[in-house]
Amino acid sequence: MLMRPMVARRGPGLLGAVARTAVVAGTATATANAVNDRRARRQMMADQEAQSQAAYDQQQMAGQQAPAGGADLATKLKQLADLNASGALSDAEFAAAKAQLLSG
């Protein structure tokens, strides 16, 4: 019987090369998808934070735009007058509080 000499393999062969290429491509795709998902989540959180900040700023501006006069000022002056009438505030304290309320 004739025996062939043993030939040493030099690489993984065709099937091994295809398998390695598939693993590398799959890993690259999974990594790219993870990076894109993370970027999208960060952008969404930044957008939500910006919207929340804008809503908060609008609320603050609405609170500052309330007129200093009107019913609110009249109510505070009435309370001061009631405190003065009940004796809780002296005339000097009433005048000082009234001046501060009217100036601010």
PDB file of N, CA and C in Angstrom:
ATOM      1  N   MET A   1       0.806  -1.156   0.000  1.00  0.00           N
ATOM      2  CA  MET A   1       0.000   0.000   0.000  1.00  0.00           C
ATOM      3  C   MET A   1       0.871   1.251   0.000  1.00  0.00           C
ATOM      4  N   LEU A   2       0.453   2.156  -0.818  1.00  0.00           N
ATOM      5  CA  LEU A   2       1.214   3.369  -0.976  1.00  0.00           C
ATOM      6  C   LEU A   2       0.675   4.432  -0.026  1.00  0.00           C
ATOM      7  N   MET A   3       1.523   5.033   0.751  1.00  0.00           N
ATOM      8  CA  MET A   3       1.081   6.043   1.722  1.00  0.00           C
ATOM      9  C   MET A   3       1.505   7.424   1.251  1.00  0.00           C
ATOM     10  N   ARG A   4       0.589   8.284   1.371  1.00  0.00           N
ATOM     11  CA  ARG A   4       0.903   9.670   1.032  1.00  0.00           C
ATOM     12  C   ARG A   4       1.635  10.311   2.180  1.00  0.00           C
ATOM     13  N   PRO A   5       2.522  11.180   1.851  1.00  0.00           N
ATOM     14  CA  PRO A   5       3.188  11.881   2.955  1.00  0.00           C
ATOM     15  C   PRO A   5       2.221  12.891   3.595  1.00  0.00           C
ATOM     16  N   MET A   6       2.330  13.099   4.872  1.00  0.00           N
ATOM     17  CA  MET A   6       1.462  14.029   5.612  1.00  0.00           C
ATOM     18  C   MET A   6       1.864  15.451   5.268  1.00  0.00           C
ATOM     19  N   VAL A   7       0.874  16.225   4.852  1.00  0.00           N
ATOM     20  CA  VAL A   7       1.114  17.617   4.522  1.00  0.00           C
ATOM     21  C   VAL A   7       0.562  18.465   5.662  1.00  0.00           C
ATOM     22  N   ALA A   8       1.377  19.326   6.172  1.00  0.00           N
ATOM     23  CA  ALA A   8       0.937  20.180   7.281  1.00  0.00           C
ATOM     24  C   ALA A   8       0.025  21.273   6.736  1.00  0.00           C
ATOM     25  N   ARG A   9      -1.011  21.518   7.452  1.00  0.00           N
ATOM     26  CA  ARG A   9      -1.928  22.591   7.065  1.00  0.00           C
ATOM     27  C   ARG A   9      -1.299  23.925   7.366  1.00  0.00           C
ATOM     28  N   ARG A  10      -1.548  24.861   6.494  1.00  0.00           N
ATOM     29  CA  ARG A  10      -0.936  26.166   6.694  1.00  0.00           C
ATOM     30  C   ARG A  10      -1.895  27.196   7.269  1.00  0.00           C
ATOM     31  N   GLY A  11      -3.164  26.976   7.263  1.00  0.00           N
ATOM     32  CA  GLY A  11      -4.125  27.949   7.759  1.00  0.00           C
ATOM     33  C   GLY A  11      -5.430  27.280   8.107  1.00  0.00           C
ATOM     34  N   PRO A  12      -6.410  28.066   8.402  1.00  0.00           N
ATOM     35  CA  PRO A  12      -7.682  27.490   8.832  1.00  0.00           C
ATOM     36  C   PRO A  12      -8.492  26.897   7.697  1.00  0.00           C
ATOM     37  N   GLY A  13      -8.104  27.121   6.508  1.00  0.00           N
ATOM     38  CA  GLY A  13      -8.866  26.613   5.378  1.00  0.00           C
ATOM     39  C   GLY A  13      -9.982  27.577   5.006  1.00  0.00           C
ATOM     40  N   LEU A  14     -10.676  27.208   3.964  1.00  0.00           N
ATOM     41  CA  LEU A  14     -11.711  28.084   3.433  1.00  0.00           C
ATOM     42  C   LEU A  14     -12.853  28.269   4.423  1.00  0.00           C
ATOM     43  N   LEU A  15     -13.327  27.207   5.019  1.00  0.00           N
ATOM     44  CA  LEU A  15     -14.443  27.284   5.965  1.00  0.00           C
ATOM     45  C   LEU A  15     -14.063  28.092   7.207  1.00  0.00           C
ATOM     46  N   GLY A  16     -12.864  27.923   7.684  1.00  0.00           N
ATOM     47  CA  GLY A  16     -12.403  28.689   8.849  1.00  0.00           C
ATOM     48  C   GLY A  16     -12.305  30.171   8.545  1.00  0.00           C
ATOM     49  N   ALA A  17     -11.829  30.512   7.353  1.00  0.00           N
ATOM     50  CA  ALA A  17     -11.718  31.919   6.966  1.00  0.00           C
ATOM     51  C   ALA A  17     -13.096  32.564   6.849  1.00  0.00           C
ATOM     52  N   VAL A  18     -14.040  31.818   6.280  1.00  0.00           N
ATOM     53  CA  VAL A  18     -15.414  32.338   6.159  1.00  0.00           C
ATOM     54  C   VAL A  18     -16.018  32.538   7.544  1.00  0.00           C
ATOM     55  N   ALA A  19     -15.813  31.606   8.436  1.00  0.00           N
ATOM     56  CA  ALA A  19     -16.353  31.699   9.794  1.00  0.00           C
ATOM     57  C   ALA A  19     -15.739  32.892  10.525  1.00  0.00           C
ATOM     58  N   ARG A  20     -14.438  33.077  10.410  1.00  0.00           N
ATOM     59  CA  ARG A  20     -13.776  34.200  11.072  1.00  0.00           C
ATOM     60  C   ARG A  20     -14.313  35.527  10.532  1.00  0.00           C
ATOM     61  N   THR A  21     -14.484  35.619   9.227  1.00  0.00           N
ATOM     62  CA  THR A  21     -15.004  36.838   8.609  1.00  0.00           C
ATOM     63  C   THR A  21     -16.415  37.131   9.108  1.00  0.00           C
ATOM     64  N   ALA A  22     -17.237  36.095   9.245  1.00  0.00           N
ATOM     65  CA  ALA A  22     -18.599  36.274   9.730  1.00  0.00           C
ATOM     66  C   ALA A  22     -18.610  36.769  11.181  1.00  0.00           C
ATOM     67  N   VAL A  23     -17.728  36.239  11.991  1.00  0.00           N
ATOM     68  CA  VAL A  23     -17.650  36.671  13.393  1.00  0.00           C
ATOM     69  C   VAL A  23     -17.207  38.122  13.485  1.00  0.00           C
ATOM     70  N   VAL A  24     -16.204  38.490  12.707  1.00  0.00           N
ATOM     71  CA  VAL A  24     -15.711  39.872  12.727  1.00  0.00           C
ATOM     72  C   VAL A  24     -16.796  40.832  12.247  1.00  0.00           C
ATOM     73  N   ALA A  25     -17.477  40.476  11.164  1.00  0.00           N
ATOM     74  CA  ALA A  25     -18.539  41.337  10.635  1.00  0.00           C
ATOM     75  C   ALA A  25     -19.688  41.455  11.624  1.00  0.00           C
ATOM     76  N   GLY A  26     -20.067  40.360  12.252  1.00  0.00           N
ATOM     77  CA  GLY A  26     -21.145  40.391  13.247  1.00  0.00           C
ATOM     78  C   GLY A  26     -20.790  41.239  14.449  1.00  0.00           C
ATOM     79  N   THR A  27     -19.554  41.122  14.909  1.00  0.00           N
ATOM     80  CA  THR A  27     -19.095  41.926  16.039  1.00  0.00           C
ATOM     81  C   THR A  27     -19.087  43.405  15.686  1.00  0.00           C
ATOM     82  N   ALA A  28     -18.625  43.732  14.497  1.00  0.00           N
ATOM     83  CA  ALA A  28     -18.591  45.124  14.064  1.00  0.00           C
ATOM     84  C   ALA A  28     -20.002  45.698  13.974  1.00  0.00           C
ATOM     85  N   THR A  29     -20.927  44.931  13.450  1.00  0.00           N
ATOM     86  CA  THR A  29     -22.314  45.385  13.341  1.00  0.00           C
ATOM     87  C   THR A  29     -22.931  45.591  14.719  1.00  0.00           C
ATOM     88  N   ALA A  30     -22.715  44.643  15.618  1.00  0.00           N
ATOM     89  CA  ALA A  30     -23.268  44.759  16.968  1.00  0.00           C
ATOM     90  C   ALA A  30     -22.692  45.974  17.686  1.00  0.00           C
ATOM     91  N   THR A  31     -21.409  46.211  17.535  1.00  0.00           N
ATOM     92  CA  THR A  31     -20.765  47.362  18.169  1.00  0.00           C
ATOM     93  C   THR A  31     -21.304  48.671  17.603  1.00  0.00           C
ATOM     94  N   ALA A  32     -21.436  48.743  16.298  1.00  0.00           N
ATOM     95  CA  ALA A  32     -21.960  49.957  15.664  1.00  0.00           C
ATOM     96  C   ALA A  32     -23.392  50.229  16.116  1.00  0.00           C
ATOM     97  N   ASN A  33     -24.204  49.175  16.206  1.00  0.00           N
ATOM     98  CA  ASN A  33     -25.584  49.345  16.662  1.00  0.00           C
ATOM     99  C   ASN A  33     -25.627  49.818  18.113  1.00  0.00           C
ATOM    100  N   ALA A  34     -24.769  49.287  18.957  1.00  0.00           N
ATOM    101  CA  ALA A  34     -24.740  49.694  20.357  1.00  0.00           C
ATOM    102  C   ALA A  34     -24.332  51.161  20.485  1.00  0.00           C
ATOM    103  N   VAL A  35     -23.345  51.574  19.707  1.00  0.00           N
ATOM    104  CA  VAL A  35     -22.903  52.973  19.742  1.00  0.00           C
ATOM    105  C   VAL A  35     -24.025  53.893  19.279  1.00  0.00           C
ATOM    106  N   ASN A  36     -24.704  53.526  18.202  1.00  0.00           N
ATOM    107  CA  ASN A  36     -25.802  54.350  17.685  1.00  0.00           C
ATOM    108  C   ASN A  36     -26.963  54.423  18.670  1.00  0.00           C
ATOM    109  N   ASP A  37     -27.288  53.292  19.321  1.00  0.00           N
ATOM    110  CA  ASP A  37     -28.362  53.291  20.316  1.00  0.00           C
ATOM    111  C   ASP A  37     -28.014  54.185  21.497  1.00  0.00           C
ATOM    112  N   ARG A  38     -26.764  54.107  21.943  1.00  0.00           N
ATOM    113  CA  ARG A  38     -26.341  54.929  23.075  1.00  0.00           C
ATOM    114  C   ARG A  38     -26.395  56.415  22.708  1.00  0.00           C
ATOM    115  N   ARG A  39     -25.951  56.758  21.511  1.00  0.00           N
ATOM    116  CA  ARG A  39     -25.996  58.142  21.050  1.00  0.00           C
ATOM    117  C   ARG A  39     -27.442  58.640  20.972  1.00  0.00           C
ATOM    118  N   ALA A  40     -28.338  57.787  20.480  1.00  0.00           N
ATOM    119  CA  ALA A  40     -29.750  58.165  20.370  1.00  0.00           C
ATOM    120  C   ALA A  40     -30.367  58.374  21.754  1.00  0.00           C
ATOM    121  N   ARG A  41     -30.029  57.499  22.711  1.00  0.00           N
ATOM    122  CA  ARG A  41     -30.547  57.664  24.079  1.00  0.00           C
ATOM    123  C   ARG A  41     -30.045  58.950  24.709  1.00  0.00           C
ATOM    124  N   ARG A  42     -28.762  59.248  24.524  1.00  0.00           N
ATOM    125  CA  ARG A  42     -28.210  60.489  25.083  1.00  0.00           C
ATOM    126  C   ARG A  42     -28.862  61.716  24.466  1.00  0.00           C
ATOM    127  N   GLN A  43     -29.085  61.683  23.158  1.00  0.00           N
ATOM    128  CA  GLN A  43     -29.732  62.811  22.482  1.00  0.00           C
ATOM    129  C   GLN A  43     -31.165  62.980  22.972  1.00  0.00           C
ATOM    130  N   MET A  44     -31.874  61.861  23.152  1.00  0.00           N
ATOM    131  CA  MET A  44     -33.251  61.918  23.644  1.00  0.00           C
ATOM    132  C   MET A  44     -33.293  62.500  25.057  1.00  0.00           C
ATOM    133  N   MET A  45     -32.358  62.090  25.923  1.00  0.00           N
ATOM    134  CA  MET A  45     -32.317  62.624  27.284  1.00  0.00           C
ATOM    135  C   MET A  45     -31.981  64.106  27.269  1.00  0.00           C
ATOM    136  N   ALA A  46     -31.080  64.521  26.395  1.00  0.00           N
ATOM    137  CA  ALA A  46     -30.730  65.939  26.298  1.00  0.00           C
ATOM    138  C   ALA A  46     -31.927  66.748  25.805  1.00  0.00           C
ATOM    139  N   ASP A  47     -32.670  66.214  24.842  1.00  0.00           N
ATOM    140  CA  ASP A  47     -33.859  66.900  24.346  1.00  0.00           C
ATOM    141  C   ASP A  47     -34.920  67.031  25.435  1.00  0.00           C
ATOM    142  N   GLN A  48     -35.123  65.964  26.206  1.00  0.00           N
ATOM    143  CA  GLN A  48     -36.102  66.006  27.288  1.00  0.00           C
ATOM    144  C   GLN A  48     -35.685  67.008  28.355  1.00  0.00           C
ATOM    145  N   GLU A  49     -34.391  67.042  28.670  1.00  0.00           N
ATOM    146  CA  GLU A  49     -33.910  67.996  29.661  1.00  0.00           C
ATOM    147  C   GLU A  49     -34.093  69.435  29.178  1.00  0.00           C
ATOM    148  N   ALA A  50     -33.838  69.659  27.891  1.00  0.00           N
ATOM    149  CA  ALA A  50     -34.024  70.996  27.325  1.00  0.00           C
ATOM    150  C   ALA A  50     -35.495  71.405  27.360  1.00  0.00           C
ATOM    151  N   GLN A  51     -36.388  70.459  27.063  1.00  0.00           N
ATOM    152  CA  GLN A  51     -37.818  70.757  27.124  1.00  0.00           C
ATOM    153  C   GLN A  51     -38.250  71.054  28.551  1.00  0.00           C
ATOM    154  N   SER A  52     -37.741  70.275  29.507  1.00  0.00           N
ATOM    155  CA  SER A  52     -38.078  70.515  30.910  1.00  0.00           C
ATOM    156  C   SER A  52     -37.574  71.880  31.363  1.00  0.00           C
ATOM    157  N   GLN A  53     -36.354  72.213  30.949  1.00  0.00           N
ATOM    158  CA  GLN A  53     -35.787  73.511  31.325  1.00  0.00           C
ATOM    159  C   GLN A  53     -36.589  74.645  30.696  1.00  0.00           C
ATOM    160  N   ALA A  54     -37.029  74.469  29.456  1.00  0.00           N
ATOM    161  CA  ALA A  54     -37.827  75.502  28.790  1.00  0.00           C
ATOM    162  C   ALA A  54     -39.168  75.677  29.491  1.00  0.00           C
ATOM    163  N   ALA A  55     -39.785  74.565  29.891  1.00  0.00           N
ATOM    164  CA  ALA A  55     -41.059  74.651  30.606  1.00  0.00           C
ATOM    165  C   ALA A  55     -40.861  75.335  31.962  1.00  0.00           C
ATOM    166  N   TYR A  56     -39.778  74.998  32.649  1.00  0.00           N
ATOM    167  CA  TYR A  56     -39.490  75.625  33.942  1.00  0.00           C
ATOM    168  C   TYR A  56     -39.254  77.126  33.766  1.00  0.00           C
ATOM    169  N   ASP A  57     -38.494  77.482  32.726  1.00  0.00           N
ATOM    170  CA  ASP A  57     -38.238  78.900  32.463  1.00  0.00           C
ATOM    171  C   ASP A  57     -39.527  79.648  32.155  1.00  0.00           C
ATOM    172  N   GLN A  58     -40.428  79.019  31.413  1.00  0.00           N
ATOM    173  CA  GLN A  58     -41.704  79.658  31.104  1.00  0.00           C
ATOM    174  C   GLN A  58     -42.524  79.871  32.366  1.00  0.00           C
ATOM    175  N   GLN A  59     -42.499  78.894  33.262  1.00  0.00           N
ATOM    176  CA  GLN A  59     -43.223  79.037  34.524  1.00  0.00           C
ATOM    177  C   GLN A  59     -42.629  80.169  35.351  1.00  0.00           C
ATOM    178  N   GLN A  60     -41.310  80.248  35.365  1.00  0.00           N
ATOM    179  CA  GLN A  60     -40.658  81.315  36.131  1.00  0.00           C
ATOM    180  C   GLN A  60     -40.985  82.678  35.548  1.00  0.00           C
ATOM    181  N   MET A  61     -40.963  82.776  34.220  1.00  0.00           N
ATOM    182  CA  MET A  61     -41.286  84.049  33.568  1.00  0.00           C
ATOM    183  C   MET A  61     -42.740  84.430  33.813  1.00  0.00           C
ATOM    184  N   ALA A  62     -43.630  83.457  33.802  1.00  0.00           N
ATOM    185  CA  ALA A  62     -45.046  83.734  34.054  1.00  0.00           C
ATOM    186  C   ALA A  62     -45.223  84.232  35.483  1.00  0.00           C
ATOM    187  N   GLY A  63     -44.468  83.648  36.406  1.00  0.00           N
ATOM    188  CA  GLY A  63     -44.552  84.089  37.803  1.00  0.00           C
ATOM    189  C   GLY A  63     -44.005  85.493  37.988  1.00  0.00           C
ATOM    190  N   GLN A  64     -42.980  85.859  37.232  1.00  0.00           N
ATOM    191  CA  GLN A  64     -42.387  87.187  37.352  1.00  0.00           C
ATOM    192  C   GLN A  64     -43.211  88.238  36.637  1.00  0.00           C
ATOM    193  N   GLN A  65     -44.005  87.820  35.667  1.00  0.00           N
ATOM    194  CA  GLN A  65     -44.783  88.776  34.910  1.00  0.00           C
ATOM    195  C   GLN A  65     -46.095  89.130  35.594  1.00  0.00           C
ATOM    196  N   ALA A  66     -46.389  88.487  36.718  1.00  0.00           N
ATOM    197  CA  ALA A  66     -47.612  88.823  37.439  1.00  0.00           C
ATOM    198  C   ALA A  66     -47.525  90.283  37.867  1.00  0.00           C
ATOM    199  N   PRO A  67     -48.580  91.013  37.698  1.00  0.00           N
ATOM    200  CA  PRO A  67     -48.534  92.433  38.020  1.00  0.00           C
ATOM    201  C   PRO A  67     -48.291  92.679  39.496  1.00  0.00           C
ATOM    202  N   ALA A  68     -47.453  93.676  39.774  1.00  0.00           N
ATOM    203  CA  ALA A  68     -47.162  94.010  41.172  1.00  0.00           C
ATOM    204  C   ALA A  68     -48.374  94.634  41.829  1.00  0.00           C
ATOM    205  N   GLY A  69     -49.198  95.290  41.063  1.00  0.00           N
ATOM    206  CA  GLY A  69     -50.407  95.906  41.615  1.00  0.00           C
ATOM    207  C   GLY A  69     -51.562  94.939  41.526  1.00  0.00           C
ATOM    208  N   GLY A  70     -52.754  95.479  41.576  1.00  0.00           N
ATOM    209  CA  GLY A  70     -53.934  94.653  41.381  1.00  0.00           C
ATOM    210  C   GLY A  70     -54.403  94.010  42.662  1.00  0.00           C
ATOM    211  N   ALA A  71     -55.093  92.892  42.508  1.00  0.00           N
ATOM    212  CA  ALA A  71     -55.735  92.227  43.637  1.00  0.00           C
ATOM    213  C   ALA A  71     -54.718  91.727  44.652  1.00  0.00           C
ATOM    214  N   ASP A  72     -53.566  91.229  44.180  1.00  0.00           N
ATOM    215  CA  ASP A  72     -52.567  90.695  45.100  1.00  0.00           C
ATOM    216  C   ASP A  72     -52.033  91.792  46.022  1.00  0.00           C
ATOM    217  N   LEU A  73     -51.707  92.941  45.467  1.00  0.00           N
ATOM    218  CA  LEU A  73     -51.209  94.059  46.258  1.00  0.00           C
ATOM    219  C   LEU A  73     -52.285  94.565  47.207  1.00  0.00           C
ATOM    220  N   ALA A  74     -53.505  94.621  46.702  1.00  0.00           N
ATOM    221  CA  ALA A  74     -54.614  95.086  47.544  1.00  0.00           C
ATOM    222  C   ALA A  74     -54.831  94.137  48.714  1.00  0.00           C
ATOM    223  N   THR A  75     -54.705  92.846  48.465  1.00  0.00           N
ATOM    224  CA  THR A  75     -54.879  91.855  49.540  1.00  0.00           C
ATOM    225  C   THR A  75     -53.801  92.018  50.596  1.00  0.00           C
ATOM    226  N   LYS A  76     -52.555  92.206  50.168  1.00  0.00           N
ATOM    227  CA  LYS A  76     -51.462  92.379  51.127  1.00  0.00           C
ATOM    228  C   LYS A  76     -51.627  93.664  51.933  1.00  0.00           C
ATOM    229  N   LEU A  77     -52.051  94.742  51.272  1.00  0.00           N
ATOM    230  CA  LEU A  77     -52.287  96.000  52.004  1.00  0.00           C
ATOM    231  C   LEU A  77     -53.411  95.840  53.009  1.00  0.00           C
ATOM    232  N   LYS A  78     -54.445  95.088  52.633  1.00  0.00           N
ATOM    233  CA  LYS A  78     -55.571  94.846  53.552  1.00  0.00           C
ATOM    234  C   LYS A  78     -55.099  94.059  54.765  1.00  0.00           C
ATOM    235  N   GLN A  79     -54.242  93.066  54.530  1.00  0.00           N
ATOM    236  CA  GLN A  79     -53.712  92.285  55.658  1.00  0.00           C
ATOM    237  C   GLN A  79     -52.882  93.159  56.582  1.00  0.00           C
ATOM    238  N   LEU A  80     -52.041  94.021  55.987  1.00  0.00           N
ATOM    239  CA  LEU A  80     -51.254  94.941  56.819  1.00  0.00           C
ATOM    240  C   LEU A  80     -52.160  95.871  57.625  1.00  0.00           C
ATOM    241  N   ALA A  81     -53.207  96.380  57.003  1.00  0.00           N
ATOM    242  CA  ALA A  81     -54.139  97.279  57.703  1.00  0.00           C
ATOM    243  C   ALA A  81     -54.833  96.536  58.837  1.00  0.00           C
ATOM    244  N   ASP A  82     -55.209  95.281  58.587  1.00  0.00           N
ATOM    245  CA  ASP A  82     -55.850  94.491  59.648  1.00  0.00           C
ATOM    246  C   ASP A  82     -54.898  94.249  60.813  1.00  0.00           C
ATOM    247  N   LEU A  83     -53.628  93.974  60.503  1.00  0.00           N
ATOM    248  CA  LEU A  83     -52.643  93.791  61.572  1.00  0.00           C
ATOM    249  C   LEU A  83     -52.434  95.081  62.353  1.00  0.00           C
ATOM    250  N   ASN A  84     -52.451  96.207  61.656  1.00  0.00           N
ATOM    251  CA  ASN A  84     -52.294  97.500  62.311  1.00  0.00           C
ATOM    252  C   ASN A  84     -53.509  97.782  63.189  1.00  0.00           C
ATOM    253  N   ALA A  85     -54.695  97.472  62.668  1.00  0.00           N
ATOM    254  CA  ALA A  85     -55.922  97.727  63.428  1.00  0.00           C
ATOM    255  C   ALA A  85     -56.007  96.839  64.657  1.00  0.00           C
ATOM    256  N   SER A  86     -55.492  95.605  64.564  1.00  0.00           N
ATOM    257  CA  SER A  86     -55.564  94.696  65.708  1.00  0.00           C
ATOM    258  C   SER A  86     -54.484  94.994  66.745  1.00  0.00           C
ATOM    259  N   GLY A  87     -53.528  95.833  66.381  1.00  0.00           N
ATOM    260  CA  GLY A  87     -52.479  96.183  67.330  1.00  0.00           C
ATOM    261  C   GLY A  87     -51.223  95.341  67.184  1.00  0.00           C
ATOM    262  N   ALA A  88     -51.212  94.434  66.238  1.00  0.00           N
ATOM    263  CA  ALA A  88     -50.036  93.593  66.034  1.00  0.00           C
ATOM    264  C   ALA A  88     -48.895  94.403  65.423  1.00  0.00           C
ATOM    265  N   LEU A  89     -49.221  95.461  64.656  1.00  0.00           N
ATOM    266  CA  LEU A  89     -48.220  96.344  64.067  1.00  0.00           C
ATOM    267  C   LEU A  89     -48.443  97.756  64.590  1.00  0.00           C
ATOM    268  N   SER A  90     -47.342  98.403  64.911  1.00  0.00           N
ATOM    269  CA  SER A  90     -47.464  99.817  65.286  1.00  0.00           C
ATOM    270  C   SER A  90     -47.631 100.641  64.015  1.00  0.00           C
ATOM    271  N   ASP A  91     -47.983 101.931  64.180  1.00  0.00           N
ATOM    272  CA  ASP A  91     -48.164 102.787  63.011  1.00  0.00           C
ATOM    273  C   ASP A  91     -46.861 102.907  62.215  1.00  0.00           C
ATOM    274  N   ALA A  92     -45.719 102.975  62.913  1.00  0.00           N
ATOM    275  CA  ALA A  92     -44.431 103.096  62.234  1.00  0.00           C
ATOM    276  C   ALA A  92     -44.111 101.814  61.449  1.00  0.00           C
ATOM    277  N   GLU A  93     -44.386 100.655  62.075  1.00  0.00           N
ATOM    278  CA  GLU A  93     -44.145  99.383  61.396  1.00  0.00           C
ATOM    279  C   GLU A  93     -45.074  99.235  60.188  1.00  0.00           C
ATOM    280  N   PHE A  94     -46.319  99.675  60.363  1.00  0.00           N
ATOM    281  CA  PHE A  94     -47.275  99.606  59.262  1.00  0.00           C
ATOM    282  C   PHE A  94     -46.808 100.470  58.093  1.00  0.00           C
ATOM    283  N   ALA A  95     -46.367 101.684  58.398  1.00  0.00           N
ATOM    284  CA  ALA A  95     -45.910 102.591  57.346  1.00  0.00           C
ATOM    285  C   ALA A  95     -44.679 102.030  56.628  1.00  0.00           C
ATOM    286  N   ALA A  96     -43.755 101.429  57.386  1.00  0.00           N
ATOM    287  CA  ALA A  96     -42.540 100.862  56.785  1.00  0.00           C
ATOM    288  C   ALA A  96     -42.887  99.662  55.898  1.00  0.00           C
ATOM    289  N   ALA A  97     -43.768  98.783  56.372  1.00  0.00           N
ATOM    290  CA  ALA A  97     -44.155  97.614  55.610  1.00  0.00           C
ATOM    291  C   ALA A  97     -44.928  98.024  54.352  1.00  0.00           C
ATOM    292  N   LYS A  98     -45.777  99.036  54.502  1.00  0.00           N
ATOM    293  CA  LYS A  98     -46.546  99.522  53.361  1.00  0.00           C
ATOM    294  C   LYS A  98     -45.627 100.132  52.304  1.00  0.00           C
ATOM    295  N   ALA A  99     -44.646 100.906  52.746  1.00  0.00           N
ATOM    296  CA  ALA A  99     -43.695 101.522  51.806  1.00  0.00           C
ATOM    297  C   ALA A  99     -42.877 100.442  51.089  1.00  0.00           C
ATOM    298  N   GLN A 100     -42.468  99.440  51.819  1.00  0.00           N
ATOM    299  CA  GLN A 100     -41.697  98.355  51.213  1.00  0.00           C
ATOM    300  C   GLN A 100     -42.549  97.583  50.197  1.00  0.00           C
ATOM    301  N   LEU A 101     -43.809  97.344  50.537  1.00  0.00           N
ATOM    302  CA  LEU A 101     -44.707  96.627  49.646  1.00  0.00           C
ATOM    303  C   LEU A 101     -44.976  97.427  48.367  1.00  0.00           C
ATOM    304  N   LEU A 102     -45.147  98.715  48.506  1.00  0.00           N
ATOM    305  CA  LEU A 102     -45.435  99.562  47.360  1.00  0.00           C
ATOM    306  C   LEU A 102     -44.212  99.779  46.478  1.00  0.00           C
ATOM    307  N   SER A 103     -43.010  99.743  47.064  1.00  0.00           N
ATOM    308  CA  SER A 103     -41.801  99.966  46.276  1.00  0.00           C
ATOM    309  C   SER A 103     -41.340  98.696  45.564  1.00  0.00           C
ATOM    310  N   GLY A 104     -41.659  97.542  46.081  1.00  0.00           N
ATOM    311  CA  GLY A 104     -41.131  96.312  45.488  1.00  0.00           C
ATOM    312  C   GLY A 104     -42.133  95.575  44.759  1.00  0.00           C
TER     313      GLY A 104
END
